[in-house]
N, C-alpha and C. Protein backbone atom coordinates (compact mmCIF):
# COMPACT_ATOMS: atom_id res chain seq x y z
N MET A 1 92.63 132.42 91.84
CA MET A 1 93.19 131.13 91.96
C MET A 1 94.42 131.00 90.98
N LYS A 2 95.56 130.47 91.54
CA LYS A 2 96.79 130.22 90.90
C LYS A 2 97.12 128.63 90.82
N ARG A 3 97.59 128.18 89.67
CA ARG A 3 98.02 126.74 89.27
C ARG A 3 99.29 126.69 89.20
N LYS A 4 100.14 126.02 89.82
CA LYS A 4 101.78 126.00 89.89
C LYS A 4 102.09 124.39 89.91
N LEU A 5 103.00 124.10 88.90
CA LEU A 5 103.59 122.89 88.87
C LEU A 5 104.71 122.61 90.00
N ILE A 6 104.44 121.63 90.81
CA ILE A 6 105.12 121.42 92.02
C ILE A 6 106.12 120.07 91.88
N GLY A 7 105.71 119.47 90.71
CA GLY A 7 106.52 118.28 90.51
C GLY A 7 106.23 117.16 89.62
N THR A 8 106.74 116.11 89.43
CA THR A 8 106.12 115.01 88.58
C THR A 8 106.38 113.78 89.50
N VAL A 9 105.57 112.72 89.07
CA VAL A 9 105.64 111.52 89.62
C VAL A 9 105.94 110.38 88.60
N ALA A 10 106.92 109.57 88.85
CA ALA A 10 107.05 108.44 87.83
C ALA A 10 106.11 107.36 87.99
N VAL A 11 105.75 106.68 86.93
CA VAL A 11 104.80 105.67 87.27
C VAL A 11 105.37 104.44 86.25
N ASP A 12 105.56 103.18 86.91
CA ASP A 12 105.89 102.15 86.16
C ASP A 12 105.01 100.78 86.40
N SER A 13 103.81 101.21 86.99
CA SER A 13 102.74 100.09 87.05
C SER A 13 101.45 100.40 86.58
N GLY A 14 101.34 101.70 85.83
CA GLY A 14 100.17 102.04 85.39
C GLY A 14 99.17 102.56 86.38
N GLN A 15 99.62 102.84 87.50
CA GLN A 15 98.63 103.15 88.62
C GLN A 15 99.44 104.01 89.57
N LEU A 16 98.59 104.91 90.66
CA LEU A 16 99.15 105.84 91.40
C LEU A 16 98.22 105.43 92.65
N LEU A 17 98.76 105.76 93.74
CA LEU A 17 98.25 105.71 95.21
C LEU A 17 98.53 106.90 95.88
N ILE A 18 97.44 107.40 96.35
CA ILE A 18 97.41 108.65 97.06
C ILE A 18 97.07 108.18 98.57
N ILE A 19 98.05 108.24 99.62
CA ILE A 19 98.06 107.91 100.84
C ILE A 19 98.91 108.83 101.78
N ASP A 20 98.49 108.73 102.98
CA ASP A 20 99.37 109.45 103.96
C ASP A 20 100.47 108.55 104.49
N PRO A 21 101.65 109.12 104.07
CA PRO A 21 102.73 108.06 104.39
C PRO A 21 102.85 107.58 105.90
N CYS A 22 102.24 108.19 106.72
CA CYS A 22 102.30 107.46 108.19
C CYS A 22 101.62 106.11 108.26
N TYR A 23 100.83 105.72 107.09
CA TYR A 23 100.20 104.42 107.01
C TYR A 23 100.92 103.44 106.51
N ILE A 24 101.99 103.96 105.41
CA ILE A 24 102.57 102.59 104.70
C ILE A 24 103.31 101.62 105.22
N SER A 25 103.78 101.66 106.41
CA SER A 25 104.61 100.79 107.26
C SER A 25 103.78 99.96 107.92
N SER A 26 102.51 100.45 108.56
CA SER A 26 101.70 99.86 109.30
C SER A 26 100.52 99.22 108.60
N GLU A 27 100.13 99.42 107.60
CA GLU A 27 98.92 98.91 106.65
C GLU A 27 99.53 98.28 105.38
N TRP A 28 100.71 98.39 104.91
CA TRP A 28 101.09 97.80 103.74
C TRP A 28 101.32 96.25 103.93
N LYS A 29 100.70 95.47 103.44
CA LYS A 29 100.86 93.82 103.60
C LYS A 29 101.46 93.08 102.34
N GLU A 30 102.54 92.54 102.73
CA GLU A 30 102.91 91.73 101.46
C GLU A 30 102.35 90.53 101.25
N GLY A 31 102.23 89.96 100.12
CA GLY A 31 101.64 88.45 99.89
C GLY A 31 102.46 87.39 100.52
N GLU A 32 101.85 86.96 101.33
CA GLU A 32 102.53 85.44 102.13
C GLU A 32 102.39 84.46 101.21
N GLU A 33 101.13 84.30 100.75
CA GLU A 33 100.87 82.81 99.87
C GLU A 33 100.00 83.22 99.23
N VAL A 34 99.93 82.26 97.91
CA VAL A 34 99.01 82.27 96.92
C VAL A 34 97.42 82.10 97.40
N LYS A 35 96.60 82.72 97.05
CA LYS A 35 95.10 82.64 97.59
C LYS A 35 94.21 82.44 96.31
N ALA A 36 94.72 82.94 95.28
CA ALA A 36 94.30 82.60 93.85
C ALA A 36 94.94 82.85 92.83
N VAL A 37 94.40 82.50 91.49
CA VAL A 37 95.14 82.86 90.35
C VAL A 37 94.28 83.70 89.44
N ASP A 38 94.84 84.92 88.90
CA ASP A 38 94.26 85.89 88.06
C ASP A 38 94.61 85.44 86.86
N PHE A 39 93.89 85.87 85.61
CA PHE A 39 94.12 85.64 84.37
C PHE A 39 93.44 86.57 83.48
N TRP A 40 93.99 87.02 82.34
CA TRP A 40 93.31 87.97 81.48
C TRP A 40 94.18 87.85 80.14
N GLY A 41 93.61 88.56 79.07
CA GLY A 41 94.07 88.72 77.68
C GLY A 41 93.32 88.40 76.72
N GLU A 42 93.99 88.22 75.62
CA GLU A 42 92.89 88.01 74.43
C GLU A 42 92.33 86.64 74.33
N GLY A 43 92.76 85.65 74.87
CA GLY A 43 92.10 84.35 74.84
C GLY A 43 91.45 83.91 76.03
N GLU A 44 91.16 85.14 77.03
CA GLU A 44 90.61 84.80 78.32
C GLU A 44 89.20 84.04 78.08
N ASP A 45 88.23 84.53 77.14
CA ASP A 45 87.06 83.99 77.23
C ASP A 45 87.19 82.43 76.80
N ASP A 46 87.95 82.09 76.08
CA ASP A 46 88.10 80.88 75.39
C ASP A 46 88.70 79.89 76.61
N VAL A 47 89.59 80.42 77.27
CA VAL A 47 90.25 79.78 78.65
C VAL A 47 89.16 79.51 79.54
N VAL A 48 88.39 80.55 79.92
CA VAL A 48 87.31 80.51 80.97
C VAL A 48 86.23 79.35 80.52
N HIS A 49 86.04 79.07 79.33
CA HIS A 49 84.96 78.16 78.81
C HIS A 49 85.58 76.76 79.12
N VAL A 50 86.74 76.59 78.74
CA VAL A 50 87.32 75.16 79.01
C VAL A 50 87.71 74.87 80.26
N LEU A 51 88.09 75.96 81.06
CA LEU A 51 88.27 75.79 82.63
C LEU A 51 86.83 75.36 83.30
N LYS A 52 86.03 75.96 83.11
CA LYS A 52 84.58 75.87 83.74
C LYS A 52 84.19 74.33 83.30
N GLN A 53 84.42 73.98 82.16
CA GLN A 53 84.15 72.37 81.78
C GLN A 53 84.89 71.67 82.69
N ARG A 54 86.11 71.87 83.00
CA ARG A 54 86.91 71.02 83.86
C ARG A 54 86.49 71.21 85.35
N GLY A 55 85.58 72.06 85.57
CA GLY A 55 85.11 72.14 87.11
C GLY A 55 85.60 73.36 87.92
N TYR A 56 86.45 74.00 87.27
CA TYR A 56 86.93 75.18 87.99
C TYR A 56 85.71 76.50 88.38
N HIS A 57 85.95 76.71 89.50
CA HIS A 57 84.97 78.10 89.73
C HIS A 57 85.67 79.34 89.25
N ILE A 58 85.07 80.16 88.52
CA ILE A 58 85.76 81.39 88.14
C ILE A 58 84.92 82.51 88.28
N GLU A 59 85.44 83.66 88.88
CA GLU A 59 84.69 84.79 88.87
C GLU A 59 85.43 85.95 88.31
N ARG A 60 84.83 87.05 87.79
CA ARG A 60 85.21 88.14 87.17
C ARG A 60 85.61 89.01 88.37
N VAL A 61 86.87 89.68 88.48
CA VAL A 61 87.29 90.64 89.46
C VAL A 61 87.99 91.77 88.65
N SER A 62 87.32 92.85 88.54
CA SER A 62 87.86 93.92 87.88
C SER A 62 88.11 93.66 86.36
N GLY A 63 89.15 93.71 86.03
CA GLY A 63 89.63 93.47 84.53
C GLY A 63 90.24 92.07 84.22
N ALA A 64 90.07 91.30 85.29
CA ALA A 64 90.52 89.78 85.22
C ALA A 64 89.79 88.73 85.40
N TYR A 65 90.11 87.52 85.50
CA TYR A 65 89.07 86.46 85.67
C TYR A 65 90.14 85.84 87.13
N ARG A 66 89.44 85.32 88.08
CA ARG A 66 89.95 84.76 89.11
C ARG A 66 89.58 83.54 89.46
N ILE A 67 90.64 82.48 89.79
CA ILE A 67 90.24 81.17 90.11
C ILE A 67 90.78 80.91 91.51
N ASN A 68 90.06 80.75 92.51
CA ASN A 68 90.23 80.63 94.03
C ASN A 68 90.78 79.17 94.17
N ASP A 69 92.28 78.95 93.67
CA ASP A 69 92.88 77.80 93.74
C ASP A 69 94.54 78.27 94.35
N THR A 70 94.98 77.63 95.21
CA THR A 70 96.06 77.89 95.86
C THR A 70 97.32 77.26 95.11
N ASP A 71 97.13 76.22 94.16
CA ASP A 71 98.36 75.71 93.31
C ASP A 71 98.62 76.42 92.08
N PHE A 72 99.24 77.60 92.37
CA PHE A 72 99.50 78.59 91.19
C PHE A 72 100.28 77.86 90.16
N ASP A 73 101.31 77.07 90.24
CA ASP A 73 102.28 76.14 89.45
C ASP A 73 100.94 75.37 88.28
N LYS A 74 100.32 74.50 89.07
CA LYS A 74 99.42 73.65 88.31
C LYS A 74 98.36 74.55 87.49
N VAL A 75 97.75 75.43 88.03
CA VAL A 75 96.64 76.31 87.40
C VAL A 75 97.18 77.05 86.08
N SER A 76 98.37 77.75 86.62
CA SER A 76 99.15 78.68 85.43
C SER A 76 99.71 77.73 84.39
N ASN A 77 100.05 76.67 84.50
CA ASN A 77 100.67 75.83 83.53
C ASN A 77 99.45 75.42 82.64
N GLU A 78 98.01 75.10 83.44
CA GLU A 78 97.00 74.63 82.56
C GLU A 78 96.72 75.78 81.50
N ILE A 79 96.68 76.91 82.19
CA ILE A 79 96.16 78.33 81.45
C ILE A 79 97.20 78.65 80.27
N TYR A 80 98.24 78.36 80.63
CA TYR A 80 99.44 78.51 79.32
C TYR A 80 99.22 77.62 78.30
N GLU A 81 98.97 76.26 78.66
CA GLU A 81 98.82 75.35 77.73
C GLU A 81 97.56 75.53 76.73
N LEU A 82 96.50 75.93 77.51
CA LEU A 82 95.30 76.23 76.70
C LEU A 82 95.45 77.54 75.84
N SER A 83 96.34 78.45 76.37
CA SER A 83 96.67 79.70 75.54
C SER A 83 97.42 79.13 74.51
N ALA A 84 98.30 78.51 74.50
CA ALA A 84 99.03 77.94 73.33
C ALA A 84 98.22 77.04 72.38
N GLN A 85 97.37 76.34 72.87
CA GLN A 85 96.55 75.43 71.91
C GLN A 85 95.58 76.54 71.08
N ILE A 86 95.03 77.49 71.83
CA ILE A 86 94.13 78.40 71.11
C ILE A 86 94.73 79.58 70.40
N LYS A 87 96.17 79.54 70.50
CA LYS A 87 96.98 80.45 69.90
C LYS A 87 96.51 82.02 70.11
N LYS A 88 96.27 82.10 71.38
CA LYS A 88 95.83 83.69 71.99
C LYS A 88 96.50 83.64 73.15
N LYS A 89 97.05 84.95 73.31
CA LYS A 89 97.85 85.26 74.52
C LYS A 89 96.82 85.45 76.03
N VAL A 90 97.32 84.86 76.93
CA VAL A 90 96.72 84.85 78.24
C VAL A 90 97.75 85.29 79.28
N MET A 91 97.48 86.23 80.20
CA MET A 91 98.54 86.48 81.20
C MET A 91 98.14 85.88 82.36
N VAL A 92 99.17 85.45 83.20
CA VAL A 92 98.39 84.98 84.62
C VAL A 92 99.57 85.50 85.53
N SER A 93 98.87 85.76 86.83
CA SER A 93 99.50 86.30 88.03
C SER A 93 99.06 85.69 89.39
N PRO A 94 99.87 85.40 90.07
CA PRO A 94 99.28 84.93 91.54
C PRO A 94 98.69 86.12 92.35
N TYR A 95 97.51 85.83 92.80
CA TYR A 95 96.85 86.80 93.74
C TYR A 95 97.11 86.35 95.10
N THR A 96 97.75 87.21 95.91
CA THR A 96 98.03 86.94 97.24
C THR A 96 97.08 87.83 98.27
N GLY A 97 96.26 88.53 97.81
CA GLY A 97 95.63 89.56 98.97
C GLY A 97 96.52 90.60 99.33
N SER A 98 97.76 90.80 98.89
CA SER A 98 98.68 91.93 99.35
C SER A 98 98.02 93.12 99.06
N THR A 99 98.40 94.35 99.46
CA THR A 99 97.99 95.52 99.17
C THR A 99 98.19 95.89 97.91
N TYR A 100 99.39 95.40 97.43
CA TYR A 100 99.51 95.77 95.87
C TYR A 100 98.47 95.04 95.03
N ASP A 101 98.05 93.71 95.35
CA ASP A 101 96.81 93.10 94.63
C ASP A 101 95.75 93.81 94.79
N LYS A 102 95.41 94.51 95.92
CA LYS A 102 94.10 95.14 96.07
C LYS A 102 94.29 96.38 95.43
N ILE A 103 95.15 97.14 95.08
CA ILE A 103 95.46 98.22 94.33
C ILE A 103 95.10 97.98 92.96
N CYS A 104 95.77 96.80 92.46
CA CYS A 104 95.59 96.48 91.09
C CYS A 104 94.01 96.04 91.02
N ASP A 105 93.37 95.47 91.94
CA ASP A 105 91.90 95.46 91.54
C ASP A 105 91.15 96.60 91.60
N LEU A 106 91.61 97.53 92.11
CA LEU A 106 90.64 98.78 91.78
C LEU A 106 91.07 99.46 90.53
N THR A 107 92.37 99.38 90.25
CA THR A 107 92.73 100.32 89.16
C THR A 107 92.37 99.50 87.67
N ILE A 108 92.45 98.31 87.66
CA ILE A 108 91.94 97.54 86.37
C ILE A 108 90.63 97.40 85.98
N GLY A 109 89.82 97.90 86.91
CA GLY A 109 88.26 97.73 86.98
C GLY A 109 87.60 98.81 85.85
N GLU A 110 86.36 98.75 85.76
CA GLU A 110 85.68 99.71 84.93
C GLU A 110 85.96 101.20 85.13
N GLU A 111 86.04 101.64 86.42
CA GLU A 111 86.35 102.90 86.97
C GLU A 111 87.90 103.26 86.86
N GLU A 112 88.73 102.34 86.61
CA GLU A 112 90.03 102.74 87.01
C GLU A 112 90.63 103.36 88.06
N ALA A 113 89.90 103.36 89.09
CA ALA A 113 90.12 103.85 90.30
C ALA A 113 89.41 103.47 91.44
N GLY A 114 89.61 103.78 92.95
CA GLY A 114 88.72 103.51 93.87
C GLY A 114 89.35 103.52 95.14
N GLN A 115 88.57 103.34 96.09
CA GLN A 115 88.84 103.66 97.65
C GLN A 115 89.72 102.38 98.21
N LEU A 116 90.70 102.44 98.89
CA LEU A 116 91.65 101.34 99.31
C LEU A 116 91.44 101.53 100.79
N ASN A 117 90.98 100.57 101.44
CA ASN A 117 90.55 100.70 102.88
C ASN A 117 91.54 100.06 103.73
N PHE A 118 91.36 100.40 105.06
CA PHE A 118 92.57 100.04 106.04
C PHE A 118 92.15 98.49 106.19
N GLU A 119 93.15 97.73 106.85
CA GLU A 119 92.98 96.20 107.02
C GLU A 119 91.64 96.08 107.91
N SER A 120 91.22 96.79 108.79
CA SER A 120 89.93 96.70 109.41
C SER A 120 88.75 97.00 108.66
N GLY A 121 88.95 97.32 107.30
CA GLY A 121 87.82 97.35 106.45
C GLY A 121 87.23 98.81 106.52
N GLU A 122 87.63 99.84 107.38
CA GLU A 122 87.35 101.26 107.20
C GLU A 122 88.20 101.90 106.25
N GLU A 123 87.02 102.70 105.59
CA GLU A 123 87.68 103.58 104.54
C GLU A 123 88.67 104.51 104.95
N GLY A 124 89.27 105.03 103.93
CA GLY A 124 90.38 106.21 104.15
C GLY A 124 91.92 105.76 104.07
N LEU A 125 92.15 104.81 103.71
CA LEU A 125 93.53 104.36 103.84
C LEU A 125 94.12 105.10 102.54
N GLY A 126 93.52 105.19 101.66
CA GLY A 126 94.18 105.65 100.26
C GLY A 126 93.36 105.75 99.05
N VAL A 127 93.47 106.37 98.10
CA VAL A 127 92.77 106.21 96.84
C VAL A 127 93.84 105.65 95.67
N ALA A 128 93.36 104.70 95.05
CA ALA A 128 94.12 104.23 94.03
C ALA A 128 93.46 104.77 92.55
N VAL A 129 94.53 105.10 91.87
CA VAL A 129 94.19 105.64 90.31
C VAL A 129 94.98 104.75 89.24
N GLY A 130 94.45 104.33 88.18
CA GLY A 130 95.00 103.91 86.87
C GLY A 130 95.55 105.11 86.30
N THR A 131 96.46 104.94 85.57
CA THR A 131 96.96 106.00 84.91
C THR A 131 96.67 105.86 83.28
N GLY A 132 96.57 104.60 83.00
CA GLY A 132 96.39 104.31 81.64
C GLY A 132 97.70 103.83 80.83
N ALA A 133 98.88 104.20 81.45
CA ALA A 133 100.12 103.93 81.08
C ALA A 133 101.17 104.31 81.96
N ASP A 134 102.24 103.80 81.66
CA ASP A 134 103.67 104.23 82.60
C ASP A 134 103.95 105.47 82.00
N GLY A 135 104.84 106.32 82.76
CA GLY A 135 105.41 107.51 82.41
C GLY A 135 105.73 108.58 83.60
N TYR A 136 105.84 109.64 83.20
CA TYR A 136 106.00 110.66 84.16
C TYR A 136 104.77 111.62 84.16
N TYR A 137 104.09 111.93 85.40
CA TYR A 137 102.92 112.70 85.36
C TYR A 137 103.18 114.06 86.16
N ASN A 138 102.72 115.23 85.63
CA ASN A 138 102.87 116.38 85.99
C ASN A 138 101.92 116.60 87.32
N VAL A 139 102.40 117.13 88.51
CA VAL A 139 101.76 117.30 89.48
C VAL A 139 101.60 118.84 89.97
N TYR A 140 100.22 119.50 89.77
CA TYR A 140 100.00 120.69 90.39
C TYR A 140 99.43 120.97 91.55
N ALA A 141 99.68 122.37 92.06
CA ALA A 141 99.02 122.82 93.35
C ALA A 141 98.17 123.85 92.98
N ILE A 142 96.81 123.77 93.23
CA ILE A 142 96.13 124.95 93.10
C ILE A 142 96.17 125.83 94.46
N TYR A 143 96.25 127.01 94.41
CA TYR A 143 96.32 127.96 95.42
C TYR A 143 95.12 129.32 95.28
N GLN A 144 94.36 129.22 96.40
CA GLN A 144 93.20 130.17 96.32
C GLN A 144 93.39 131.16 97.57
N GLU A 145 92.97 132.33 97.35
CA GLU A 145 92.86 133.27 98.36
C GLU A 145 91.50 133.09 99.33
N ILE A 146 91.94 132.79 100.49
CA ILE A 146 90.85 132.44 101.54
C ILE A 146 90.92 133.48 102.50
N GLU A 147 89.75 133.98 102.79
CA GLU A 147 89.54 135.21 103.59
C GLU A 147 89.97 134.62 105.11
N GLY A 148 90.93 135.48 105.72
CA GLY A 148 91.27 135.28 106.73
C GLY A 148 92.58 134.51 106.97
N LEU A 149 92.98 133.57 105.79
CA LEU A 149 94.05 132.70 105.76
C LEU A 149 94.92 133.09 104.63
N GLY A 150 94.70 133.96 103.61
CA GLY A 150 95.64 134.42 102.57
C GLY A 150 95.37 133.32 101.55
N GLU A 151 96.50 133.37 100.81
CA GLU A 151 96.68 132.42 99.78
C GLU A 151 96.99 131.05 100.04
N ILE A 152 96.33 130.11 100.12
CA ILE A 152 96.88 128.58 100.51
C ILE A 152 96.33 127.64 99.64
N LEU A 153 97.09 126.54 99.77
CA LEU A 153 96.93 125.36 98.91
C LEU A 153 95.48 124.70 99.02
N THR A 154 94.72 124.58 98.25
CA THR A 154 93.42 124.24 98.13
C THR A 154 93.22 122.87 97.60
N LYS A 155 93.90 122.53 96.40
CA LYS A 155 93.89 121.09 95.99
C LYS A 155 95.18 120.62 95.16
N ILE A 156 95.19 119.65 94.90
CA ILE A 156 96.37 119.07 93.83
C ILE A 156 95.47 118.44 92.70
N GLU A 157 96.26 118.58 91.56
CA GLU A 157 96.03 117.97 90.27
C GLU A 157 96.92 117.25 89.61
N ILE A 158 96.69 116.01 89.26
CA ILE A 158 97.70 115.17 88.64
C ILE A 158 97.18 115.21 87.18
N GLU A 159 98.00 115.44 86.20
CA GLU A 159 97.87 115.60 84.73
C GLU A 159 98.13 114.37 84.24
N LEU A 160 97.00 113.38 83.88
CA LEU A 160 97.21 111.97 83.43
C LEU A 160 97.29 111.95 81.80
N PHE A 161 96.73 113.18 81.26
CA PHE A 161 96.60 113.24 79.64
C PHE A 161 96.73 114.69 79.40
N ASN A 162 97.43 115.17 78.41
CA ASN A 162 97.34 116.50 77.98
C ASN A 162 97.00 116.62 76.57
N GLU A 163 95.91 117.14 76.14
CA GLU A 163 95.55 116.93 74.65
C GLU A 163 96.49 117.70 73.83
N ASN A 164 97.25 118.50 74.38
CA ASN A 164 98.20 119.13 73.60
C ASN A 164 99.34 118.56 73.60
N ASP A 165 99.82 117.60 74.11
CA ASP A 165 100.92 116.75 73.79
C ASP A 165 100.92 115.94 72.38
N ASP A 166 101.91 115.91 71.87
CA ASP A 166 102.15 115.10 70.63
C ASP A 166 101.89 113.78 70.92
C-alpha cells in the first residue's frame, strides 16, 4: 500500500462536499425564497423560551433552531432584539431549502457529516462533511496492488486534523 499527497482543498465554510461533478449543474438548487429562520448561539435557549411564549413553533434542526416563518425581517429583528436584551449573542440566517442549506443541516449536526440526497429523495448525490474549521486540508491517494490490475487507486483520504501539527 502506498499513500501519496495529491493536493489540498481550501475550505471557507467549515465543510466539504464529495460529489460527482456531473450532478452539480442539474442538482444544485439556489434558495429562491425564505422558508424558515434558523438561529443559534450563546443565548439560543433564552430566545427559544421567550419565542415559544409568544406562540412561535420552534424545532431543533442539527445545531440550530428553526422557526417555519417566511417573514425573515420580522423574525430576525425580534431575535436580535431579544439577544440584545439578554446580552448574549445569537446568530440568525434565512433557511431557503437550497442545496447549501441542506449541506449545512448535515454538517452542523451531532455527526458533523451525512448523506446528501438527489432532489427525488434517492441517496447518492454526495456526502457532506464538517471540517471543524476553515483552512487548507491535505488530500491523499491510497494505492494498492490488486492482482490482475497492478497498483491502482483504491481510496482517498482527507486529513482534517494532524496531531503532529503545532
